[in-house]
């Protein structure tokens, strides 16, 4: 199985990468929204773990690009934003994927 981690804090990204690798995932890591978007558009992932607030594009961009690959991809947000912020982000992902 393949995972994409999109996180601008390198220490957190490495922590997530190690944990996913220990569970048997092949892991790609992007450190900003643009790099994450490029990975998502060019790859096929089972899961994308991302920060919502990133340099470049927001964390939603890679998550929304994933359905274009024709494969079902789960997305998990790891963020310091409030619950309200995450709820708004989840609604935005749903709207973008429904287009």
Foldseek 3Di string as FASTA:
>chain_A
DEEEEEAQPVVVQVVVCVVVVVVPYDYDYHNFDVVLLVPLQPDAHQEYEYEQDGPDDGRLNSVLNNCVVVDDHYYHYDYPDDPVVVVVSVVVSVVSNVD
